[in-house]
Amino acid sequence: MLASMGKSGGTRRQREELGEFLRIRRSRLRPEDCGLSASTGKRRTPGLRREEVAVLAGIGTSWYTWLEQGRDINVSESVARAIASALRLTAPEKRYLYQLLGITPPTALAASGEQHAGDLGLIVDEWMPSPALVIDGLWDLICYNTSASLVFGIAENDTNLLVSFFTNPGVRARYVDPQRTAALAVAQFRAGAAARYDDPRFTELVTELSARSDEFAALWHRHDVLDARVKHKDLDHPDVGRLSFDTQSWQLDGPDVRLFLHVPRRLTDTRAKLARLLRAREPVPA
């Protein structure tokens, strides 16, 4: 964690601005805002103490103090993320913190936060009546349209495509060849894993899936890696039967956000079946 910053540490001015930024953000938080006891003695200045920020971020107090003092020290992306969380930074503040530290922000921060997600939502909605969805590098769902929900069985409380596939038998059963789909999905997920081994959210996801699905655990330990994206998807929908799609995907704002658009395959009745699904979803007039 601690080393000479060199070029990656930014200029002296950046380090000074970083220290001031951290002090101001720290002063704006109350202990009770962060789940800490407020009865820790009289405070000379408002806000959190340095040692409290360090505890919340899981780092050493001396090390955090040096950071506020503008010392020339190295900060990893995981530590930057922990400090941002401890200080309850907004998405623009997180991006600013990363810039001051000379660290390339994760894609989710490089994008424009809630506004970015809203723009993507407009894109997937405009793709109706065909399925469209957007996921991040952990396969968390960012947004999807009604058609994707009906076709792939995405429920309102689903937040991750891998978790949905490997833990919901109803979702898995929709795929014509679920074993092949499972193997491809894990190999594609593994392809983006190398940069995430220090990410607590990644570790949590793999641990959860391994515990809940023996199949995922076995596939994960095979260490298969696959960059190619599935170009065709065939499903057996419980209401309308076989659905066949050509699939295109685009990388958005870096490797961690992908847009998937599905087109009914030509010379199939998929388009007509989609129309039936959507009509059945429409509310009955009073």
Protein backbone atom coordinates (compact mmCIF):
# COMPACT_ATOMS: atom_id res chain seq x y z
CA MET A 1 0.00 0.00 0.00
CA LEU A 2 2.80 2.39 0.90
CA ALA A 3 5.53 3.22 -1.60
CA SER A 4 7.03 6.11 -3.49
CA MET A 5 4.33 7.71 -5.56
CA GLY A 6 6.56 8.91 -8.36
CA LYS A 7 4.72 10.21 -11.39
CA SER A 8 1.46 8.47 -10.46
CA GLY A 9 1.18 10.57 -7.32
CA GLY A 10 0.50 13.78 -9.20
CA THR A 11 2.04 17.18 -8.70
CA ARG A 12 2.69 18.91 -5.40
CA ARG A 13 -0.29 21.16 -6.11
CA GLN A 14 -2.49 18.09 -6.63
CA ARG A 15 -1.36 16.61 -3.30
CA GLU A 16 -2.08 19.89 -1.53
CA GLU A 17 -5.53 20.07 -3.10
CA LEU A 18 -6.11 16.44 -2.13
CA GLY A 19 -5.31 17.15 1.51
CA GLU A 20 -7.63 20.15 1.59
CA PHE A 21 -10.39 18.22 -0.15
CA LEU A 22 -10.17 15.33 2.33
CA ARG A 23 -10.14 17.67 5.35
CA ILE A 24 -13.21 19.55 4.16
CA ARG A 25 -15.16 16.40 3.36
CA ARG A 26 -14.18 14.95 6.75
CA SER A 27 -15.36 18.09 8.54
CA ARG A 28 -18.81 17.82 6.97
CA LEU A 29 -19.58 14.40 8.45
CA ARG A 30 -20.83 13.68 11.94
CA PRO A 31 -19.87 10.44 13.72
CA GLU A 32 -23.51 9.40 13.92
CA ASP A 33 -23.79 9.80 10.12
CA CYS A 34 -21.32 6.93 9.79
CA GLY A 35 -22.58 4.66 12.53
CA LEU A 36 -20.02 5.85 15.07
CA SER A 37 -20.73 6.85 18.65
CA ALA A 38 -20.91 10.60 19.12
CA SER A 39 -19.89 10.38 22.79
CA THR A 40 -16.14 10.22 22.23
CA GLY A 41 -15.10 13.36 24.04
CA LYS A 42 -15.26 17.04 23.20
CA ARG A 43 -14.23 17.83 19.63
CA ARG A 44 -12.08 20.86 18.89
CA THR A 45 -13.32 20.94 15.30
CA PRO A 46 -16.53 19.68 13.71
CA GLY A 47 -16.71 16.49 11.74
CA LEU A 48 -14.91 13.18 11.86
CA ARG A 49 -11.44 12.76 13.29
CA ARG A 50 -8.67 11.39 11.13
CA GLU A 51 -8.55 8.17 13.11
CA GLU A 52 -12.28 7.68 12.57
CA VAL A 53 -11.91 8.02 8.81
CA ALA A 54 -9.02 5.56 8.93
CA VAL A 55 -11.11 3.04 10.86
CA LEU A 56 -14.04 3.39 8.46
CA ALA A 57 -11.71 2.94 5.48
CA GLY A 58 -9.77 0.07 7.04
CA ILE A 59 -6.38 1.79 6.76
CA GLY A 60 -3.77 3.05 9.24
CA THR A 61 -4.30 6.38 10.96
CA SER A 62 -0.72 7.52 10.32
CA TRP A 63 -1.02 6.60 6.67
CA TYR A 64 -4.27 8.55 6.26
CA THR A 65 -2.73 11.51 8.11
CA TRP A 66 0.18 11.54 5.67
CA LEU A 67 -2.32 11.55 2.83
CA GLU A 68 -4.05 14.65 4.20
CA GLN A 69 -0.65 16.25 4.72
CA GLY A 70 0.18 15.85 1.04
CA ARG A 71 2.94 13.30 1.53
CA ASP A 72 4.27 11.61 -1.61
CA ILE A 73 2.74 8.16 -1.04
CA ASN A 74 1.18 5.56 -3.29
CA VAL A 75 -2.57 4.88 -3.17
CA SER A 76 -4.14 1.81 -4.76
CA GLU A 77 -7.55 1.91 -6.42
CA SER A 78 -9.05 -0.28 -3.67
CA VAL A 79 -7.83 2.12 -0.96
CA ALA A 80 -9.14 5.13 -2.90
CA ARG A 81 -12.51 3.39 -3.10
CA ALA A 82 -12.45 2.68 0.65
CA ILE A 83 -11.68 6.32 1.49
CA ALA A 84 -14.44 7.51 -0.84
CA SER A 85 -16.88 5.18 0.92
CA ALA A 86 -15.76 6.29 4.39
CA LEU A 87 -16.27 9.95 3.47
CA ARG A 88 -19.62 9.27 1.79
CA LEU A 89 -18.48 10.89 -1.46
CA THR A 90 -20.91 11.37 -4.33
CA ALA A 91 -20.06 10.05 -7.81
CA PRO A 92 -18.60 13.41 -9.00
CA GLU A 93 -16.58 13.70 -5.76
CA LYS A 94 -15.24 10.17 -6.23
CA ARG A 95 -14.12 11.00 -9.76
CA TYR A 96 -12.41 14.15 -8.46
CA LEU A 97 -10.66 12.13 -5.73
CA TYR A 98 -9.34 9.65 -8.30
CA GLN A 99 -8.10 12.49 -10.50
CA LEU A 100 -6.24 14.07 -7.59
CA LEU A 101 -4.65 10.72 -6.80
CA GLY A 102 -3.62 10.17 -10.41
CA ILE A 103 -5.67 6.97 -10.63
CA THR A 104 -7.83 6.00 -13.58
CA PRO A 105 -11.36 5.77 -12.16
CA PRO A 106 -13.46 2.62 -12.60
CA THR A 107 -15.86 2.73 -15.53
CA ALA A 108 -18.85 3.21 -13.25
CA LEU A 109 -17.22 6.45 -12.02
CA ALA A 110 -15.86 7.51 -15.38
CA ALA A 111 -19.42 7.48 -16.64
CA SER A 112 -21.81 10.20 -15.62
CA GLY A 113 -23.45 8.45 -12.68
CA GLU A 114 -27.20 8.47 -12.46
CA GLN A 115 -27.54 10.57 -15.60
CA HIS A 116 -25.51 8.02 -17.55
CA ALA A 117 -27.76 5.19 -16.38
CA GLY A 118 -30.78 7.26 -17.35
CA ASP A 119 -29.42 7.79 -20.87
CA LEU A 120 -28.84 4.06 -21.26
CA GLY A 121 -32.38 3.43 -20.06
CA LEU A 122 -33.67 5.56 -22.92
CA ILE A 123 -31.62 3.52 -25.40
CA VAL A 124 -32.89 0.13 -24.21
CA ASP A 125 -36.48 1.40 -24.09
CA GLU A 126 -36.20 2.64 -27.68
CA TRP A 127 -35.12 -0.86 -28.74
CA MET A 128 -38.58 -2.23 -27.91
CA PRO A 129 -40.19 -4.55 -28.85
CA SER A 130 -36.89 -6.46 -28.97
CA PRO A 131 -34.90 -7.27 -25.80
CA ALA A 132 -32.10 -4.94 -24.72
CA LEU A 133 -30.09 -4.71 -21.50
CA VAL A 134 -26.94 -3.17 -20.03
CA ILE A 135 -24.61 -4.83 -17.52
CA ASP A 136 -21.37 -3.87 -15.80
CA GLY A 137 -18.17 -5.88 -15.35
CA LEU A 138 -19.67 -7.89 -12.50
CA TRP A 139 -22.74 -8.63 -14.62
CA ASP A 140 -24.85 -6.42 -12.38
CA LEU A 141 -27.90 -5.16 -14.25
CA ILE A 142 -27.75 -1.45 -14.98
CA CYS A 143 -30.96 -1.31 -16.99
CA TYR A 144 -33.15 -3.44 -19.25
CA ASN A 145 -36.41 -3.08 -21.15
CA THR A 146 -39.74 -4.86 -20.72
CA SER A 147 -39.02 -7.26 -23.57
CA ALA A 148 -35.77 -8.43 -21.93
CA SER A 149 -37.62 -8.99 -18.68
CA LEU A 150 -40.27 -11.14 -20.37
CA VAL A 151 -37.85 -13.10 -22.56
CA PHE A 152 -35.10 -13.84 -20.04
CA GLY A 153 -37.23 -14.00 -16.91
CA ILE A 154 -35.66 -10.98 -15.21
CA ALA A 155 -37.64 -10.22 -12.05
CA GLU A 156 -37.90 -6.85 -10.34
CA ASN A 157 -35.64 -7.97 -7.49
CA ASP A 158 -32.94 -9.41 -9.80
CA THR A 159 -29.74 -7.39 -9.73
CA ASN A 160 -27.17 -9.70 -11.33
CA LEU A 161 -27.46 -11.90 -14.42
CA LEU A 162 -25.08 -14.58 -13.16
CA VAL A 163 -26.87 -14.90 -9.84
CA SER A 164 -30.20 -15.09 -11.64
CA PHE A 165 -29.04 -17.81 -14.05
CA PHE A 166 -27.26 -20.01 -11.53
CA THR A 167 -29.74 -19.75 -8.66
CA ASN A 168 -33.14 -19.53 -10.39
CA PRO A 169 -34.14 -22.84 -12.04
CA GLY A 170 -36.92 -21.09 -13.96
CA VAL A 171 -34.45 -18.74 -15.64
CA ARG A 172 -31.97 -21.51 -16.41
CA ALA A 173 -34.70 -23.69 -17.92
CA ARG A 174 -35.43 -21.07 -20.58
CA TYR A 175 -32.16 -21.78 -22.39
CA VAL A 176 -32.15 -24.54 -24.99
CA ASP A 177 -28.68 -25.70 -23.91
CA PRO A 178 -28.27 -24.51 -20.30
CA GLN A 179 -25.03 -26.41 -19.68
CA ARG A 180 -23.32 -24.78 -22.65
CA THR A 181 -24.76 -21.41 -21.68
CA ALA A 182 -23.42 -21.84 -18.14
CA ALA A 183 -19.92 -22.76 -19.33
CA LEU A 184 -19.78 -19.82 -21.76
CA ALA A 185 -21.06 -17.37 -19.15
CA VAL A 186 -18.45 -18.35 -16.54
CA ALA A 187 -15.62 -18.33 -19.09
CA GLN A 188 -16.64 -14.84 -20.23
CA PHE A 189 -16.92 -13.65 -16.64
CA ARG A 190 -13.46 -15.08 -15.93
CA ALA A 191 -12.02 -13.07 -18.84
CA GLY A 192 -12.59 -9.84 -16.91
CA ALA A 193 -11.59 -11.18 -13.51
CA ALA A 194 -7.84 -10.51 -13.55
CA ALA A 195 -8.30 -6.82 -12.78
CA ARG A 196 -10.80 -7.50 -10.00
CA TYR A 197 -9.15 -9.89 -7.57
CA ASP A 198 -8.67 -7.07 -5.04
CA ASP A 199 -12.28 -5.92 -5.41
CA PRO A 200 -14.33 -6.96 -2.35
CA ARG A 201 -17.54 -6.92 -4.38
CA PHE A 202 -16.03 -9.35 -6.90
CA THR A 203 -14.86 -11.69 -4.14
CA GLU A 204 -18.26 -11.52 -2.48
CA LEU A 205 -20.03 -12.38 -5.74
CA VAL A 206 -17.81 -15.37 -6.55
CA THR A 207 -18.08 -16.65 -2.98
CA GLU A 208 -21.87 -16.33 -3.01
CA LEU A 209 -22.26 -18.08 -6.36
CA SER A 210 -19.85 -20.87 -5.42
CA ALA A 211 -21.81 -21.49 -2.23
CA ARG A 212 -25.21 -21.45 -3.91
CA SER A 213 -24.34 -23.32 -7.12
CA ASP A 214 -22.14 -26.41 -7.36
CA GLU A 215 -22.20 -25.97 -11.12
CA PHE A 216 -20.77 -22.46 -10.93
CA ALA A 217 -18.12 -23.58 -8.44
CA ALA A 218 -17.00 -26.41 -10.73
CA LEU A 219 -16.90 -24.17 -13.81
CA TRP A 220 -15.07 -21.42 -11.94
CA HIS A 221 -12.30 -23.81 -10.87
CA ARG A 222 -11.78 -24.88 -14.49
CA HIS A 223 -10.26 -21.44 -15.20
CA ASP A 224 -11.67 -21.35 -18.72
CA VAL A 225 -11.33 -17.91 -20.32
CA LEU A 226 -13.35 -16.71 -23.31
CA ASP A 227 -13.51 -13.24 -24.80
CA ALA A 228 -15.94 -14.03 -27.60
CA ARG A 229 -19.51 -13.00 -27.01
CA VAL A 230 -22.46 -15.25 -27.74
CA LYS A 231 -23.80 -14.25 -31.17
CA HIS A 232 -26.96 -16.36 -31.11
CA LYS A 233 -29.38 -17.18 -28.32
CA ASP A 234 -32.06 -19.85 -28.44
CA LEU A 235 -34.61 -20.07 -25.66
CA ASP A 236 -37.62 -22.24 -24.81
CA HIS A 237 -40.01 -19.72 -23.30
CA PRO A 238 -42.64 -21.25 -20.99
CA ASP A 239 -45.46 -19.24 -22.62
CA VAL A 240 -44.61 -19.03 -26.34
CA GLY A 241 -42.02 -21.72 -26.97
CA ARG A 242 -38.84 -21.35 -29.04
CA LEU A 243 -37.34 -17.87 -29.39
CA SER A 244 -34.22 -17.26 -31.47
CA PHE A 245 -32.12 -14.08 -31.46
CA ASP A 246 -29.03 -12.66 -33.08
CA THR A 247 -27.13 -10.78 -30.38
CA GLN A 248 -24.87 -7.76 -30.72
CA SER A 249 -22.93 -6.17 -27.87
CA TRP A 250 -21.09 -2.87 -27.54
CA GLN A 251 -18.56 -1.75 -24.99
CA LEU A 252 -19.52 1.57 -23.45
CA ASP A 253 -17.17 3.92 -21.58
CA GLY A 254 -14.48 1.28 -21.08
CA PRO A 255 -14.53 -2.48 -20.45
CA ASP A 256 -16.97 -2.49 -17.56
CA VAL A 257 -20.24 -1.46 -19.21
CA ARG A 258 -21.76 -3.41 -22.10
CA LEU A 259 -24.94 -2.88 -24.07
CA PHE A 260 -26.64 -6.01 -25.45
CA LEU A 261 -29.19 -5.72 -28.24
CA HIS A 262 -31.16 -8.75 -29.42
CA VAL A 263 -32.70 -9.06 -32.90
CA PRO A 264 -35.27 -11.77 -33.74
CA ARG A 265 -33.62 -14.16 -36.19
CA ARG A 266 -34.88 -14.06 -39.74
CA LEU A 267 -37.00 -16.94 -41.01
CA THR A 268 -38.28 -17.63 -37.49
CA ASP A 269 -41.56 -16.69 -35.81
CA THR A 270 -39.74 -14.99 -32.91
CA ARG A 271 -40.94 -11.49 -33.78
CA ALA A 272 -44.59 -12.60 -33.76
CA LYS A 273 -44.11 -14.41 -30.46
CA LEU A 274 -42.56 -11.31 -28.91
CA ALA A 275 -45.65 -9.36 -29.93
CA ARG A 276 -47.83 -11.98 -28.21
CA LEU A 277 -45.79 -11.74 -25.01
CA LEU A 278 -46.04 -7.97 -24.93
CA ARG A 279 -49.78 -7.97 -25.66
CA ALA A 280 -50.33 -10.38 -22.78
CA ARG A 281 -48.41 -7.97 -20.53
CA GLU A 282 -50.67 -5.03 -21.39
CA PRO A 283 -53.26 -4.15 -18.69
CA VAL A 284 -56.85 -5.12 -19.37
CA PRO A 285 -59.03 -2.00 -19.94
CA ALA A 286 -61.40 -1.29 -17.06
